[in-house]
Amino acid sequence: MDLQGLNDQQKQAVLSEAPSLLVLAGAGSGKTRVLTQRIAYLIQEKGVAPWQVLAFTFTNKAAGEMKDRVARALGRPVDSLWIGTFHSICSRLLRREIVHLGYASNFTIYDAGDQASLVKQILKQGHMEDQGMSPRAILSAISLLKNRGIPVEEALDRAENPVDLLVARVYRAYEGAKKKTMPWTSTT
């Protein structure tokens, strides 16, 4: 294991016996070098399996760079490493595990624009576009309901005024439309 070029603090981080490690330092301070050397050290010297390593970065570019550096340090491919952005790691986990919820792994993740487009489509199809609420406001209200753990049917039952009823109706159509675009796995 080549630790040349690392200062004392960096060496300490690479060789730490702690089960997890947070490296917090400014730009250009050698964080990527420390993390890649630590990952290589854990795999090469401590017998950690590559699939047991989880490293989060802020960009896909940084994740690719880290994987490349670890592969060079080990002298072999490291495709099974879990290095990526928060979103890419979570997407990978969802795609691997979502079959347990009865969905196929080829789902689509909607961004804010996709969500607004779907709500606009629902409003238009239901002839509700002139109700005075923007798609973003409706999405915000739906998000609030979801964050409070209120399912569609309960939202419909609780609706006390035209705005609540509009939101609940769009919520029901929104959830239904998402499920239609998400293929179900075959039952076995």
N, C-alpha and C. Protein backbone atom coordinates (compact mmCIF):
# COMPACT_ATOMS: atom_id res chain seq x y z
N MET A 1 0.85 -1.17 0.00
CA MET A 1 0.00 0.00 0.00
C MET A 1 0.90 1.23 0.00
N ASP A 2 0.75 2.05 -1.02
CA ASP A 2 1.59 3.23 -1.18
C ASP A 2 0.91 4.45 -0.56
N LEU A 3 1.44 4.91 0.56
CA LEU A 3 0.88 6.08 1.24
C LEU A 3 1.76 7.30 1.06
N GLN A 4 2.74 7.21 0.14
CA GLN A 4 3.60 8.37 -0.12
C GLN A 4 2.75 9.48 -0.71
N GLY A 5 3.06 10.69 -0.35
CA GLY A 5 2.31 11.83 -0.86
C GLY A 5 1.16 12.23 0.06
N LEU A 6 0.92 11.46 1.12
CA LEU A 6 -0.12 11.81 2.09
C LEU A 6 0.54 12.42 3.32
N ASN A 7 -0.09 13.46 3.88
CA ASN A 7 0.44 14.03 5.12
C ASN A 7 -0.01 13.16 6.30
N ASP A 8 0.41 13.52 7.50
CA ASP A 8 0.12 12.69 8.67
C ASP A 8 -1.38 12.53 8.93
N GLN A 9 -2.14 13.60 8.80
CA GLN A 9 -3.59 13.52 9.02
C GLN A 9 -4.26 12.64 7.96
N GLN A 10 -3.80 12.76 6.74
CA GLN A 10 -4.37 11.94 5.66
C GLN A 10 -4.04 10.46 5.90
N LYS A 11 -2.82 10.16 6.29
CA LYS A 11 -2.44 8.78 6.59
C LYS A 11 -3.29 8.22 7.73
N GLN A 12 -3.51 9.07 8.75
CA GLN A 12 -4.32 8.65 9.89
C GLN A 12 -5.75 8.29 9.43
N ALA A 13 -6.32 9.06 8.52
CA ALA A 13 -7.66 8.78 8.01
C ALA A 13 -7.67 7.49 7.20
N VAL A 14 -6.67 7.29 6.35
CA VAL A 14 -6.60 6.09 5.52
C VAL A 14 -6.49 4.84 6.39
N LEU A 15 -5.68 4.90 7.43
CA LEU A 15 -5.40 3.72 8.26
C LEU A 15 -6.31 3.58 9.48
N SER A 16 -7.27 4.45 9.62
CA SER A 16 -8.17 4.43 10.78
C SER A 16 -8.87 3.09 10.92
N GLU A 17 -9.02 2.64 12.17
CA GLU A 17 -9.72 1.39 12.46
C GLU A 17 -11.22 1.61 12.66
N ALA A 18 -11.67 2.85 12.57
CA ALA A 18 -13.10 3.15 12.75
C ALA A 18 -13.92 2.47 11.65
N PRO A 19 -15.11 1.97 11.99
CA PRO A 19 -15.93 1.29 10.98
C PRO A 19 -16.50 2.23 9.92
N SER A 20 -16.60 3.49 10.24
CA SER A 20 -17.03 4.49 9.26
C SER A 20 -16.19 5.74 9.46
N LEU A 21 -16.15 6.55 8.41
CA LEU A 21 -15.26 7.70 8.47
C LEU A 21 -15.86 8.85 7.68
N LEU A 22 -15.84 10.03 8.26
CA LEU A 22 -16.25 11.24 7.57
C LEU A 22 -14.99 12.07 7.34
N VAL A 23 -14.75 12.39 6.07
CA VAL A 23 -13.61 13.23 5.74
C VAL A 23 -14.18 14.58 5.34
N LEU A 24 -13.91 15.58 6.14
CA LEU A 24 -14.45 16.92 5.92
C LEU A 24 -13.28 17.88 5.79
N ALA A 25 -13.13 18.43 4.59
CA ALA A 25 -12.00 19.34 4.34
C ALA A 25 -12.34 20.22 3.15
N GLY A 26 -11.59 21.27 2.98
CA GLY A 26 -11.83 22.22 1.91
C GLY A 26 -11.42 21.69 0.54
N ALA A 27 -11.81 22.45 -0.47
CA ALA A 27 -11.48 22.09 -1.86
C ALA A 27 -9.97 22.03 -2.05
N GLY A 28 -9.54 21.02 -2.80
CA GLY A 28 -8.12 20.89 -3.13
C GLY A 28 -7.25 20.40 -1.99
N SER A 29 -7.86 19.88 -0.93
CA SER A 29 -7.08 19.45 0.23
C SER A 29 -6.71 17.97 0.19
N GLY A 30 -7.15 17.24 -0.83
CA GLY A 30 -6.78 15.84 -0.96
C GLY A 30 -7.82 14.86 -0.45
N LYS A 31 -9.08 15.29 -0.31
CA LYS A 31 -10.13 14.39 0.19
C LYS A 31 -10.29 13.17 -0.70
N THR A 32 -10.34 13.38 -2.00
CA THR A 32 -10.54 12.25 -2.92
C THR A 32 -9.37 11.27 -2.81
N ARG A 33 -8.16 11.78 -2.71
CA ARG A 33 -6.99 10.91 -2.56
C ARG A 33 -7.10 10.09 -1.28
N VAL A 34 -7.50 10.74 -0.19
CA VAL A 34 -7.64 10.04 1.09
C VAL A 34 -8.71 8.96 0.99
N LEU A 35 -9.87 9.31 0.46
CA LEU A 35 -10.97 8.35 0.38
C LEU A 35 -10.63 7.17 -0.53
N THR A 36 -10.03 7.45 -1.67
CA THR A 36 -9.70 6.34 -2.58
C THR A 36 -8.62 5.45 -1.99
N GLN A 37 -7.65 6.04 -1.30
CA GLN A 37 -6.61 5.24 -0.65
C GLN A 37 -7.21 4.42 0.49
N ARG A 38 -8.15 5.01 1.22
CA ARG A 38 -8.79 4.27 2.32
C ARG A 38 -9.59 3.09 1.76
N ILE A 39 -10.34 3.31 0.69
CA ILE A 39 -11.12 2.23 0.10
C ILE A 39 -10.19 1.12 -0.38
N ALA A 40 -9.12 1.49 -1.07
CA ALA A 40 -8.16 0.50 -1.54
C ALA A 40 -7.53 -0.24 -0.36
N TYR A 41 -7.21 0.48 0.71
CA TYR A 41 -6.63 -0.12 1.91
C TYR A 41 -7.60 -1.13 2.53
N LEU A 42 -8.85 -0.75 2.66
CA LEU A 42 -9.85 -1.64 3.25
C LEU A 42 -10.00 -2.93 2.44
N ILE A 43 -10.02 -2.78 1.13
CA ILE A 43 -10.19 -3.94 0.26
C ILE A 43 -8.93 -4.81 0.24
N GLN A 44 -7.80 -4.15 0.05
CA GLN A 44 -6.53 -4.88 -0.12
C GLN A 44 -5.97 -5.42 1.19
N GLU A 45 -5.99 -4.61 2.23
CA GLU A 45 -5.32 -4.97 3.47
C GLU A 45 -6.25 -5.55 4.54
N LYS A 46 -7.50 -5.16 4.52
CA LYS A 46 -8.43 -5.58 5.56
C LYS A 46 -9.44 -6.62 5.09
N GLY A 47 -9.39 -6.97 3.80
CA GLY A 47 -10.27 -8.01 3.29
C GLY A 47 -11.73 -7.62 3.14
N VAL A 48 -12.00 -6.34 3.08
CA VAL A 48 -13.38 -5.87 2.90
C VAL A 48 -13.78 -6.13 1.45
N ALA A 49 -14.96 -6.68 1.25
CA ALA A 49 -15.45 -6.93 -0.11
C ALA A 49 -15.85 -5.60 -0.75
N PRO A 50 -15.55 -5.41 -2.04
CA PRO A 50 -15.91 -4.14 -2.69
C PRO A 50 -17.38 -3.76 -2.53
N TRP A 51 -18.28 -4.73 -2.55
CA TRP A 51 -19.70 -4.41 -2.43
C TRP A 51 -20.08 -3.95 -1.03
N GLN A 52 -19.17 -4.05 -0.07
CA GLN A 52 -19.41 -3.59 1.29
C GLN A 52 -19.00 -2.12 1.49
N VAL A 53 -18.46 -1.51 0.46
CA VAL A 53 -18.00 -0.13 0.54
C VAL A 53 -19.10 0.80 0.04
N LEU A 54 -19.40 1.84 0.81
CA LEU A 54 -20.37 2.86 0.43
C LEU A 54 -19.71 4.22 0.58
N ALA A 55 -19.62 4.96 -0.53
CA ALA A 55 -19.02 6.29 -0.51
C ALA A 55 -19.90 7.24 -1.29
N PHE A 56 -20.33 8.31 -0.64
CA PHE A 56 -21.16 9.32 -1.29
C PHE A 56 -20.30 10.49 -1.74
N THR A 57 -20.61 11.00 -2.93
CA THR A 57 -19.96 12.20 -3.45
C THR A 57 -21.05 13.16 -3.89
N PHE A 58 -20.66 14.35 -4.27
CA PHE A 58 -21.64 15.34 -4.67
C PHE A 58 -21.94 15.33 -6.16
N THR A 59 -21.04 14.80 -6.96
CA THR A 59 -21.26 14.81 -8.41
C THR A 59 -20.95 13.45 -9.02
N ASN A 60 -21.58 13.17 -10.15
CA ASN A 60 -21.29 11.93 -10.87
C ASN A 60 -19.84 11.91 -11.34
N LYS A 61 -19.34 13.08 -11.71
CA LYS A 61 -17.94 13.18 -12.16
C LYS A 61 -16.99 12.76 -11.04
N ALA A 62 -17.25 13.23 -9.83
CA ALA A 62 -16.40 12.87 -8.69
C ALA A 62 -16.50 11.37 -8.40
N ALA A 63 -17.69 10.81 -8.52
CA ALA A 63 -17.87 9.38 -8.29
C ALA A 63 -17.07 8.57 -9.31
N GLY A 64 -17.14 8.96 -10.56
CA GLY A 64 -16.38 8.27 -11.60
C GLY A 64 -14.89 8.35 -11.36
N GLU A 65 -14.44 9.53 -10.95
CA GLU A 65 -13.02 9.73 -10.65
C GLU A 65 -12.59 8.84 -9.48
N MET A 66 -13.43 8.76 -8.45
CA MET A 66 -13.09 7.92 -7.30
C MET A 66 -13.00 6.45 -7.70
N LYS A 67 -13.96 5.99 -8.48
CA LYS A 67 -13.93 4.58 -8.93
C LYS A 67 -12.67 4.30 -9.74
N ASP A 68 -12.33 5.23 -10.64
CA ASP A 68 -11.13 5.06 -11.46
C ASP A 68 -9.88 4.99 -10.60
N ARG A 69 -9.77 5.87 -9.61
CA ARG A 69 -8.59 5.89 -8.75
C ARG A 69 -8.49 4.61 -7.91
N VAL A 70 -9.63 4.14 -7.40
CA VAL A 70 -9.59 2.90 -6.62
C VAL A 70 -9.18 1.73 -7.52
N ALA A 71 -9.73 1.68 -8.72
CA ALA A 71 -9.38 0.61 -9.66
C ALA A 71 -7.89 0.63 -9.97
N ARG A 72 -7.33 1.84 -10.18
CA ARG A 72 -5.89 1.94 -10.44
C ARG A 72 -5.08 1.50 -9.22
N ALA A 73 -5.52 1.89 -8.03
CA ALA A 73 -4.79 1.53 -6.81
C ALA A 73 -4.81 0.02 -6.59
N LEU A 74 -5.90 -0.63 -6.95
CA LEU A 74 -6.03 -2.08 -6.76
C LEU A 74 -5.53 -2.87 -7.96
N GLY A 75 -5.42 -2.21 -9.11
CA GLY A 75 -4.99 -2.89 -10.32
C GLY A 75 -6.05 -3.82 -10.91
N ARG A 76 -7.33 -3.51 -10.63
CA ARG A 76 -8.43 -4.32 -11.17
C ARG A 76 -9.73 -3.52 -11.17
N PRO A 77 -10.70 -3.95 -11.98
CA PRO A 77 -12.00 -3.24 -12.00
C PRO A 77 -12.72 -3.35 -10.65
N VAL A 78 -13.51 -2.36 -10.34
CA VAL A 78 -14.24 -2.34 -9.07
C VAL A 78 -15.70 -1.96 -9.32
N ASP A 79 -16.34 -2.68 -10.23
CA ASP A 79 -17.72 -2.36 -10.60
C ASP A 79 -18.70 -2.52 -9.45
N SER A 80 -18.38 -3.37 -8.48
CA SER A 80 -19.33 -3.62 -7.40
C SER A 80 -19.25 -2.59 -6.27
N LEU A 81 -18.34 -1.62 -6.38
CA LEU A 81 -18.26 -0.57 -5.37
C LEU A 81 -19.52 0.29 -5.39
N TRP A 82 -19.96 0.71 -4.21
CA TRP A 82 -21.10 1.61 -4.08
C TRP A 82 -20.57 3.02 -3.87
N ILE A 83 -20.15 3.63 -4.98
CA ILE A 83 -19.66 5.01 -4.95
C ILE A 83 -20.55 5.82 -5.88
N GLY A 84 -21.12 6.89 -5.37
CA GLY A 84 -21.97 7.71 -6.22
C GLY A 84 -22.59 8.86 -5.44
N THR A 85 -23.46 9.59 -6.13
CA THR A 85 -24.19 10.66 -5.48
C THR A 85 -25.31 10.04 -4.64
N PHE A 86 -25.87 10.81 -3.74
CA PHE A 86 -26.98 10.34 -2.93
C PHE A 86 -28.10 9.82 -3.84
N HIS A 87 -28.42 10.59 -4.88
CA HIS A 87 -29.51 10.20 -5.79
C HIS A 87 -29.18 8.92 -6.56
N SER A 88 -27.97 8.80 -7.06
CA SER A 88 -27.64 7.61 -7.86
C SER A 88 -27.60 6.36 -6.99
N ILE A 89 -27.10 6.47 -5.77
CA ILE A 89 -27.06 5.32 -4.86
C ILE A 89 -28.48 4.90 -4.49
N CYS A 90 -29.33 5.87 -4.17
CA CYS A 90 -30.71 5.55 -3.79
C CYS A 90 -31.47 4.96 -4.98
N SER A 91 -31.24 5.47 -6.16
CA SER A 91 -31.88 4.91 -7.35
C SER A 91 -31.44 3.47 -7.57
N ARG A 92 -30.16 3.22 -7.38
CA ARG A 92 -29.63 1.86 -7.54
C ARG A 92 -30.27 0.90 -6.53
N LEU A 93 -30.39 1.37 -5.29
CA LEU A 93 -31.05 0.54 -4.26
C LEU A 93 -32.51 0.28 -4.61
N LEU A 94 -33.22 1.32 -5.03
CA LEU A 94 -34.63 1.16 -5.41
C LEU A 94 -34.78 0.17 -6.55
N ARG A 95 -33.96 0.32 -7.57
CA ARG A 95 -34.06 -0.59 -8.73
C ARG A 95 -33.80 -2.04 -8.32
N ARG A 96 -32.92 -2.22 -7.34
CA ARG A 96 -32.61 -3.57 -6.89
C ARG A 96 -33.71 -4.15 -6.01
N GLU A 97 -34.35 -3.32 -5.20
CA GLU A 97 -35.27 -3.82 -4.18
C GLU A 97 -36.75 -3.60 -4.46
N ILE A 98 -37.09 -2.80 -5.46
CA ILE A 98 -38.49 -2.42 -5.65
C ILE A 98 -39.39 -3.59 -6.04
N VAL A 99 -38.81 -4.66 -6.55
CA VAL A 99 -39.61 -5.83 -6.89
C VAL A 99 -40.36 -6.36 -5.67
N HIS A 100 -39.84 -6.11 -4.47
CA HIS A 100 -40.51 -6.56 -3.24
C HIS A 100 -41.80 -5.79 -2.98
N LEU A 101 -41.98 -4.66 -3.66
CA LEU A 101 -43.21 -3.88 -3.55
C LEU A 101 -44.14 -4.15 -4.73
N GLY A 102 -43.74 -5.06 -5.60
CA GLY A 102 -44.59 -5.43 -6.72
C GLY A 102 -44.40 -4.59 -7.97
N TYR A 103 -43.31 -3.85 -8.05
CA TYR A 103 -43.05 -3.02 -9.22
C TYR A 103 -41.84 -3.54 -9.99
N ALA A 104 -41.80 -3.22 -11.26
CA ALA A 104 -40.64 -3.57 -12.08
C ALA A 104 -39.51 -2.58 -11.80
N SER A 105 -38.30 -2.98 -12.10
CA SER A 105 -37.15 -2.13 -11.81
C SER A 105 -36.88 -1.08 -12.88
N ASN A 106 -37.68 -1.06 -13.94
CA ASN A 106 -37.46 -0.08 -15.02
C ASN A 106 -38.36 1.14 -14.85
N PHE A 107 -38.52 1.60 -13.61
CA PHE A 107 -39.37 2.75 -13.33
C PHE A 107 -38.68 4.05 -13.74
N THR A 108 -39.47 5.11 -13.81
CA THR A 108 -38.96 6.43 -14.13
C THR A 108 -39.09 7.32 -12.90
N ILE A 109 -38.07 8.08 -12.62
CA ILE A 109 -38.12 9.04 -11.52
C ILE A 109 -38.52 10.39 -12.11
N TYR A 110 -39.64 10.92 -11.63
CA TYR A 110 -40.14 12.20 -12.12
C TYR A 110 -39.38 13.35 -11.47
N ASP A 111 -38.94 14.30 -12.30
CA ASP A 111 -38.38 15.52 -11.74
C ASP A 111 -39.53 16.53 -11.59
N ALA A 112 -39.22 17.72 -11.10
CA ALA A 112 -40.25 18.73 -10.85
C ALA A 112 -41.02 19.09 -12.12
N GLY A 113 -40.33 19.15 -13.25
CA GLY A 113 -41.00 19.46 -14.51
C GLY A 113 -41.96 18.36 -14.94
N ASP A 114 -41.54 17.09 -14.77
CA ASP A 114 -42.40 15.95 -15.10
C ASP A 114 -43.65 15.95 -14.21
N GLN A 115 -43.46 16.25 -12.94
CA GLN A 115 -44.58 16.27 -12.00
C GLN A 115 -45.58 17.36 -12.40
N ALA A 116 -45.09 18.55 -12.71
CA ALA A 116 -45.97 19.66 -13.09
C ALA A 116 -46.70 19.34 -14.39
N SER A 117 -46.00 18.73 -15.33
CA SER A 117 -46.65 18.36 -16.60
C SER A 117 -47.77 17.36 -16.36
N LEU A 118 -47.54 16.40 -15.48
CA LEU A 118 -48.56 15.40 -15.19
C LEU A 118 -49.78 16.07 -14.54
N VAL A 119 -49.56 16.98 -13.61
CA VAL A 119 -50.67 17.68 -12.95
C VAL A 119 -51.43 18.53 -13.97
N LYS A 120 -50.72 19.22 -14.86
CA LYS A 120 -51.39 20.00 -15.92
C LYS A 120 -52.28 19.10 -16.76
N GLN A 121 -51.75 17.94 -17.12
CA GLN A 121 -52.50 16.98 -17.93
C GLN A 121 -53.76 16.52 -17.17
N ILE A 122 -53.62 16.23 -15.89
CA ILE A 122 -54.76 15.80 -15.08
C ILE A 122 -55.80 16.90 -15.00
N LEU A 123 -55.36 18.13 -14.77
CA LEU A 123 -56.29 19.26 -14.69
C LEU A 123 -57.06 19.43 -16.00
N LYS A 124 -56.34 19.29 -17.10
CA LYS A 124 -56.97 19.45 -18.41
C LYS A 124 -57.97 18.32 -18.68
N GLN A 125 -57.55 17.09 -18.44
CA GLN A 125 -58.43 15.95 -18.69
C GLN A 125 -59.67 15.98 -17.80
N GLY A 126 -59.54 16.48 -16.59
CA GLY A 126 -60.66 16.55 -15.66
C GLY A 126 -61.43 17.85 -15.74
N HIS A 127 -61.08 18.69 -16.72
CA HIS A 127 -61.72 20.00 -16.89
C HIS A 127 -61.66 20.81 -15.59
N MET A 128 -60.51 20.77 -14.95
CA MET A 128 -60.33 21.46 -13.67
C MET A 128 -59.30 22.59 -13.75
N GLU A 129 -58.84 22.92 -14.96
CA GLU A 129 -57.74 23.87 -15.07
C GLU A 129 -58.11 25.30 -14.70
N ASP A 130 -59.39 25.61 -14.62
CA ASP A 130 -59.81 26.97 -14.29
C ASP A 130 -60.23 27.11 -12.83
N GLN A 131 -59.66 26.30 -11.97
CA GLN A 131 -60.03 26.32 -10.54
C GLN A 131 -59.19 27.29 -9.72
N GLY A 132 -58.24 27.96 -10.35
CA GLY A 132 -57.47 29.00 -9.66
C GLY A 132 -56.23 28.53 -8.93
N MET A 133 -55.82 27.29 -9.10
CA MET A 133 -54.59 26.81 -8.46
C MET A 133 -53.60 26.38 -9.53
N SER A 134 -52.36 26.78 -9.36
CA SER A 134 -51.32 26.38 -10.30
C SER A 134 -50.92 24.92 -10.03
N PRO A 135 -50.38 24.25 -11.04
CA PRO A 135 -49.89 22.89 -10.81
C PRO A 135 -48.85 22.82 -9.68
N ARG A 136 -47.99 23.81 -9.58
CA ARG A 136 -46.97 23.82 -8.51
C ARG A 136 -47.63 23.92 -7.14
N ALA A 137 -48.68 24.76 -7.02
CA ALA A 137 -49.39 24.88 -5.74
C ALA A 137 -50.09 23.57 -5.38
N ILE A 138 -50.65 22.91 -6.37
CA ILE A 138 -51.31 21.63 -6.14
C ILE A 138 -50.28 20.58 -5.71
N LEU A 139 -49.14 20.55 -6.40
CA LEU A 139 -48.07 19.61 -6.03
C LEU A 139 -47.58 19.87 -4.61
N SER A 140 -47.49 21.12 -4.24
CA SER A 140 -47.07 21.47 -2.88
C SER A 140 -48.09 20.96 -1.86
N ALA A 141 -49.37 21.11 -2.16
CA ALA A 141 -50.42 20.63 -1.26
C ALA A 141 -50.40 19.10 -1.18
N ILE A 142 -50.18 18.43 -2.31
CA ILE A 142 -50.09 16.97 -2.32
C ILE A 142 -48.89 16.52 -1.49
N SER A 143 -47.78 17.20 -1.64
CA SER A 143 -46.57 16.88 -0.88
C SER A 143 -46.84 17.01 0.62
N LEU A 144 -47.55 18.04 1.01
CA LEU A 144 -47.90 18.24 2.41
C LEU A 144 -48.75 17.07 2.93
N LEU A 145 -49.73 16.65 2.13
CA LEU A 145 -50.56 15.51 2.51
C LEU A 145 -49.70 14.26 2.68
N LYS A 146 -48.82 14.01 1.72
CA LYS A 146 -47.96 12.83 1.79
C LYS A 146 -47.04 12.89 3.00
N ASN A 147 -46.46 14.05 3.27
CA ASN A 147 -45.57 14.20 4.41
C ASN A 147 -46.29 13.96 5.74
N ARG A 148 -47.58 14.23 5.76
CA ARG A 148 -48.39 13.98 6.96
C ARG A 148 -48.93 12.56 6.99
N GLY A 149 -48.61 11.77 5.97
CA GLY A 149 -49.05 10.38 5.92
C GLY A 149 -50.53 10.22 5.60
N ILE A 150 -51.10 11.19 4.90
CA ILE A 150 -52.53 11.15 4.59
C ILE A 150 -52.72 10.53 3.20
N PRO A 151 -53.33 9.34 3.15
CA PRO A 151 -53.56 8.70 1.85
C PRO A 151 -54.68 9.39 1.07
N VAL A 152 -54.78 9.05 -0.19
CA VAL A 152 -55.73 9.69 -1.10
C VAL A 152 -57.16 9.66 -0.55
N GLU A 153 -57.63 8.50 -0.17
CA GLU A 153 -59.03 8.38 0.26
C GLU A 153 -59.32 9.23 1.49
N GLU A 154 -58.36 9.30 2.39
CA GLU A 154 -58.54 10.14 3.57
C GLU A 154 -58.56 11.62 3.19
N ALA A 155 -57.72 12.00 2.24
CA ALA A 155 -57.72 13.38 1.76
C ALA A 155 -59.08 13.74 1.16
N LEU A 156 -59.67 12.81 0.42
CA LEU A 156 -61.00 13.03 -0.15
C LEU A 156 -62.05 13.17 0.95
N ASP A 157 -61.96 12.32 1.96
CA ASP A 157 -62.92 12.36 3.07
C ASP A 157 -62.78 13.64 3.89
N ARG A 158 -61.56 14.15 4.03
CA ARG A 158 -61.30 15.34 4.85
C ARG A 158 -61.58 16.66 4.13
N ALA A 159 -61.76 16.62 2.83
CA ALA A 159 -61.91 17.87 2.06
C ALA A 159 -63.08 18.68 2.61
N GLU A 160 -62.78 19.90 3.05
CA GLU A 160 -63.79 20.76 3.67
C GLU A 160 -64.21 21.93 2.79
N ASN A 161 -63.47 22.14 1.70
CA ASN A 161 -63.79 23.28 0.84
C ASN A 161 -63.37 22.93 -0.59
N PRO A 162 -63.72 23.77 -1.56
CA PRO A 162 -63.41 23.46 -2.96
C PRO A 162 -61.91 23.27 -3.24
N VAL A 163 -61.06 24.00 -2.55
CA VAL A 163 -59.61 23.88 -2.76
C VAL A 163 -59.14 22.50 -2.28
N ASP A 164 -59.56 22.12 -1.07
CA ASP A 164 -59.19 20.81 -0.54
C ASP A 164 -59.69 19.70 -1.46
N LEU A 165 -60.91 19.84 -1.97
CA LEU A 165 -61.49 18.83 -2.85
C LEU A 165 -60.72 18.74 -4.16
N LEU A 166 -60.35 19.89 -4.73
CA LEU A 166 -59.56 19.91 -5.96
C LEU A 166 -58.22 19.19 -5.74
N VAL A 167 -57.55 19.53 -4.66
CA VAL A 167 -56.26 18.91 -4.36
C VAL A 167 -56.42 17.40 -4.19
N ALA A 168 -57.44 16.99 -3.46
CA ALA A 168 -57.66 15.55 -3.22
C ALA A 168 -57.98 14.82 -4.53
N ARG A 169 -58.77 15.42 -5.38
CA ARG A 169 -59.09 14.78 -6.66
C ARG A 169 -57.86 14.66 -7.55
N VAL A 170 -57.07 15.72 -7.59
CA VAL A 170 -55.84 15.67 -8.39
C VAL A 170 -54.87 14.66 -7.78
N TYR A 171 -54.80 14.63 -6.46
CA TYR A 171 -53.96 13.66 -5.75
C TYR A 171 -54.32 12.24 -6.17
N ARG A 172 -55.60 11.92 -6.19
CA ARG A 172 -56.05 10.58 -6.58
C ARG A 172 -55.65 10.29 -8.02
N ALA A 173 -55.91 11.23 -8.93
CA ALA A 173 -55.57 11.02 -10.35
C ALA A 173 -54.06 10.95 -10.54
N TYR A 174 -53.33 11.76 -9.80
CA TYR A 174 -51.87 11.81 -9.87
C TYR A 174 -51.26 10.47 -9.48
N GLU A 175 -51.71 9.92 -8.36
CA GLU A 175 -51.19 8.63 -7.91
C GLU A 175 -51.57 7.52 -8.89
N GLY A 176 -52.79 7.58 -9.41
CA GLY A 176 -53.23 6.59 -10.39
C GLY A 176 -52.42 6.67 -11.68
N ALA A 177 -52.16 7.88 -12.14
CA ALA A 177 -51.39 8.07 -13.37
C ALA A 177 -49.96 7.58 -13.21
N LYS A 178 -49.37 7.82 -12.05
CA LYS A 178 -48.00 7.34 -11.82
C LYS A 178 -47.96 5.81 -11.85
N LYS A 179 -48.95 5.18 -11.28
CA LYS A 179 -48.96 3.71 -11.28
C LYS A 179 -49.17 3.16 -12.68
N LYS A 180 -49.92 3.86 -13.50
CA LYS A 180 -50.13 3.41 -14.89
C LYS A 180 -48.84 3.49 -15.68
N THR A 181 -47.98 4.46 -15.36
CA THR A 181 -46.72 4.61 -16.09
C THR A 181 -45.63 3.71 -15.52
N MET A 182 -45.92 3.08 -14.37
CA MET A 182 -44.94 2.19 -13.76
C MET A 182 -45.39 0.75 -13.96
N PRO A 183 -44.70 0.01 -14.82
CA PRO A 183 -45.14 -1.37 -15.09
C PRO A 183 -45.06 -2.25 -13.84
N TRP A 184 -46.04 -3.10 -13.69
CA TRP A 184 -46.04 -4.06 -12.59
C TRP A 184 -45.20 -5.26 -13.00
N THR A 185 -44.61 -5.88 -12.02
CA THR A 185 -43.89 -7.12 -12.31
C THR A 185 -44.91 -8.23 -12.48
N SER A 186 -44.52 -9.26 -13.15
CA SER A 186 -45.44 -10.38 -13.30
C SER A 186 -45.52 -11.13 -11.97
N THR A 187 -46.67 -11.67 -11.69
CA THR A 187 -46.83 -12.41 -10.45
C THR A 187 -46.29 -13.81 -10.62
N THR A 188 -45.64 -14.30 -9.60
CA THR A 188 -45.06 -15.64 -9.67
C THR A 188 -45.65 -16.53 -8.62
